[in-house]
């Protein structure tokens, strides 16, 4: 006769990993958020706020010559 117990795998708790990068949390002034939102609305593909910030940082780093 087969065993009546099943092996149950438990789901892991919490949010699944989304990447290997380092997360940076910042607080932004309303004026900075407004400037970021205005910039992102001017983009053809309308990036989300996090993507807009990543792009703006890249633009700034390139302008400074890294």
N, C-alpha and C. Protein backbone atom coordinates (compact mmCIF):
# COMPACT_ATOMS: atom_id res chain seq x y z
N UNK A 1 0.83 -1.18 0.00
CA UNK A 1 0.00 0.00 0.00
C UNK A 1 0.88 1.25 0.00
N UNK A 2 0.47 2.25 -0.76
CA UNK A 2 1.24 3.49 -0.83
C UNK A 2 1.06 4.29 0.43
N UNK A 3 2.07 5.10 0.70
CA UNK A 3 2.01 5.98 1.87
C UNK A 3 0.94 7.05 1.64
N UNK A 4 0.21 7.38 2.68
CA UNK A 4 -0.88 8.35 2.58
C UNK A 4 -0.38 9.79 2.72
N UNK A 5 0.88 9.95 3.05
CA UNK A 5 1.38 11.31 3.23
C UNK A 5 1.98 11.82 1.94
N UNK A 6 1.66 13.06 1.65
CA UNK A 6 2.22 13.73 0.48
C UNK A 6 3.31 14.67 0.94
N UNK A 7 4.25 14.86 0.09
CA UNK A 7 5.28 15.84 0.39
C UNK A 7 4.78 17.20 -0.10
N UNK A 8 4.58 18.12 0.82
CA UNK A 8 4.06 19.43 0.48
C UNK A 8 5.20 20.43 0.54
N UNK A 9 5.36 21.17 -0.55
CA UNK A 9 6.39 22.22 -0.54
C UNK A 9 5.73 23.52 -0.15
N UNK A 10 6.30 24.16 0.84
CA UNK A 10 5.75 25.43 1.32
C UNK A 10 6.25 26.56 0.44
N UNK A 11 5.37 27.52 0.23
CA UNK A 11 5.78 28.72 -0.50
C UNK A 11 6.67 29.55 0.40
N UNK A 12 7.68 30.14 -0.21
CA UNK A 12 8.53 31.02 0.58
C UNK A 12 7.78 32.32 0.86
N UNK A 13 8.09 32.93 1.95
CA UNK A 13 7.41 34.16 2.33
C UNK A 13 8.10 35.36 1.72
N UNK A 14 7.35 36.42 1.59
CA UNK A 14 7.92 37.67 1.11
C UNK A 14 7.88 37.79 -0.40
N UNK A 15 8.34 38.91 -0.84
CA UNK A 15 8.36 39.23 -2.27
C UNK A 15 9.50 38.49 -2.95
N UNK A 16 9.27 37.95 -4.15
CA UNK A 16 10.35 37.27 -4.85
C UNK A 16 11.43 38.27 -5.30
N UNK A 17 12.63 37.78 -5.42
CA UNK A 17 13.74 38.63 -5.85
C UNK A 17 13.48 39.16 -7.25
N UNK A 18 13.80 40.43 -7.47
CA UNK A 18 13.55 41.04 -8.77
C UNK A 18 14.84 41.36 -9.51
N UNK A 19 15.95 41.25 -8.86
CA UNK A 19 17.20 41.57 -9.54
C UNK A 19 18.37 41.44 -8.59
N UNK A 20 19.54 41.70 -9.12
CA UNK A 20 20.74 41.55 -8.31
C UNK A 20 21.37 42.88 -7.95
N UNK A 21 20.78 43.98 -8.39
CA UNK A 21 21.34 45.30 -8.10
C UNK A 21 21.13 45.71 -6.65
N UNK A 22 21.73 46.79 -6.28
CA UNK A 22 21.60 47.33 -4.93
C UNK A 22 20.46 48.33 -4.92
N UNK A 23 19.55 48.16 -3.98
CA UNK A 23 18.43 49.07 -3.87
C UNK A 23 18.85 50.30 -3.08
N UNK A 24 18.48 51.47 -3.59
CA UNK A 24 18.80 52.72 -2.92
C UNK A 24 17.48 53.44 -2.66
N UNK A 25 17.20 53.72 -1.40
CA UNK A 25 15.98 54.44 -1.05
C UNK A 25 16.29 55.90 -0.77
N UNK A 26 15.51 56.77 -1.33
CA UNK A 26 15.74 58.21 -1.17
C UNK A 26 14.42 58.91 -0.91
N UNK A 27 14.49 60.05 -0.26
CA UNK A 27 13.34 60.94 -0.13
C UNK A 27 13.61 62.13 -1.03
N UNK A 28 12.60 62.52 -1.80
CA UNK A 28 12.74 63.60 -2.76
C UNK A 28 11.80 64.73 -2.38
N UNK A 29 12.23 65.94 -2.62
CA UNK A 29 11.37 67.10 -2.37
C UNK A 29 10.27 67.12 -3.43
N UNK A 30 9.14 67.73 -3.11
CA UNK A 30 8.07 67.84 -4.11
C UNK A 30 8.53 68.53 -5.40
N UNK A 31 9.43 69.51 -5.27
CA UNK A 31 9.94 70.20 -6.45
C UNK A 31 10.75 69.27 -7.34
N UNK A 32 11.57 68.42 -6.71
CA UNK A 32 12.37 67.46 -7.49
C UNK A 32 11.48 66.44 -8.18
N UNK A 33 10.48 65.95 -7.47
CA UNK A 33 9.54 64.98 -8.06
C UNK A 33 8.80 65.61 -9.24
N UNK A 34 8.41 66.85 -9.08
CA UNK A 34 7.72 67.54 -10.17
C UNK A 34 8.63 67.67 -11.39
N UNK A 35 9.90 68.00 -11.17
CA UNK A 35 10.85 68.13 -12.28
C UNK A 35 11.08 66.77 -12.95
N UNK A 36 11.20 65.71 -12.16
CA UNK A 36 11.38 64.36 -12.71
C UNK A 36 10.15 63.96 -13.52
N UNK A 37 8.96 64.19 -12.97
CA UNK A 37 7.73 63.84 -13.67
C UNK A 37 7.57 64.63 -14.97
N UNK A 38 7.92 65.90 -14.95
CA UNK A 38 7.86 66.71 -16.17
C UNK A 38 8.82 66.16 -17.22
N UNK A 39 10.03 65.77 -16.80
CA UNK A 39 11.01 65.22 -17.73
C UNK A 39 10.50 63.91 -18.33
N UNK A 40 9.97 63.03 -17.47
CA UNK A 40 9.55 61.72 -17.97
C UNK A 40 8.35 61.83 -18.90
N UNK A 41 7.46 62.80 -18.65
CA UNK A 41 6.31 63.00 -19.55
C UNK A 41 6.74 63.48 -20.93
N UNK A 42 7.89 64.11 -21.01
CA UNK A 42 8.40 64.59 -22.29
C UNK A 42 9.06 63.47 -23.10
N UNK A 43 9.25 62.29 -22.50
CA UNK A 43 9.89 61.17 -23.19
C UNK A 43 8.86 60.43 -24.04
N UNK A 44 9.30 59.90 -25.16
CA UNK A 44 8.40 59.22 -26.09
C UNK A 44 7.76 57.97 -25.49
N UNK A 45 8.51 57.25 -24.63
CA UNK A 45 7.99 55.98 -24.09
C UNK A 45 7.42 56.10 -22.68
N UNK A 46 7.33 57.30 -22.12
CA UNK A 46 6.82 57.57 -20.77
C UNK A 46 7.31 56.54 -19.74
N UNK A 47 8.57 56.65 -19.35
CA UNK A 47 9.10 55.71 -18.35
C UNK A 47 8.45 55.96 -16.99
N UNK A 48 8.44 54.94 -16.17
CA UNK A 48 7.98 55.11 -14.80
C UNK A 48 8.99 55.97 -14.03
N UNK A 49 8.61 56.38 -12.85
CA UNK A 49 9.48 57.25 -12.07
C UNK A 49 10.84 56.60 -11.77
N UNK A 50 10.89 55.33 -11.33
CA UNK A 50 12.21 54.72 -11.08
C UNK A 50 13.09 54.67 -12.32
N UNK A 51 12.50 54.31 -13.46
CA UNK A 51 13.27 54.26 -14.71
C UNK A 51 13.72 55.65 -15.12
N UNK A 52 12.88 56.65 -14.93
CA UNK A 52 13.25 58.03 -15.26
C UNK A 52 14.45 58.47 -14.42
N UNK A 53 14.44 58.13 -13.14
CA UNK A 53 15.55 58.49 -12.26
C UNK A 53 16.83 57.79 -12.71
N UNK A 54 16.73 56.50 -13.07
CA UNK A 54 17.91 55.78 -13.57
C UNK A 54 18.47 56.46 -14.82
N UNK A 55 17.58 56.84 -15.74
CA UNK A 55 18.03 57.49 -16.98
C UNK A 55 18.67 58.84 -16.69
N UNK A 56 18.06 59.61 -15.80
CA UNK A 56 18.61 60.92 -15.47
C UNK A 56 19.98 60.80 -14.81
N UNK A 57 20.16 59.80 -13.97
CA UNK A 57 21.47 59.57 -13.34
C UNK A 57 22.49 59.23 -14.42
N UNK A 58 22.12 58.35 -15.36
CA UNK A 58 23.04 58.00 -16.45
C UNK A 58 23.41 59.22 -17.28
N UNK A 59 22.43 60.06 -17.59
CA UNK A 59 22.70 61.28 -18.36
C UNK A 59 23.66 62.17 -17.59
N UNK A 60 23.42 62.32 -16.30
CA UNK A 60 24.29 63.16 -15.47
C UNK A 60 25.71 62.61 -15.38
N UNK A 61 25.84 61.30 -15.25
CA UNK A 61 27.17 60.69 -15.18
C UNK A 61 27.92 60.84 -16.49
N UNK A 62 27.22 60.66 -17.60
CA UNK A 62 27.88 60.84 -18.90
C UNK A 62 28.32 62.28 -19.09
N UNK A 63 27.49 63.23 -18.65
CA UNK A 63 27.82 64.65 -18.80
C UNK A 63 29.05 65.02 -17.97
N UNK A 64 29.21 64.37 -16.82
CA UNK A 64 30.36 64.64 -15.95
C UNK A 64 31.59 63.87 -16.39
N UNK A 65 31.45 62.99 -17.36
CA UNK A 65 32.58 62.20 -17.83
C UNK A 65 32.91 61.05 -16.91
N UNK A 66 31.96 60.63 -16.12
CA UNK A 66 32.09 59.52 -15.17
C UNK A 66 33.33 59.75 -14.37
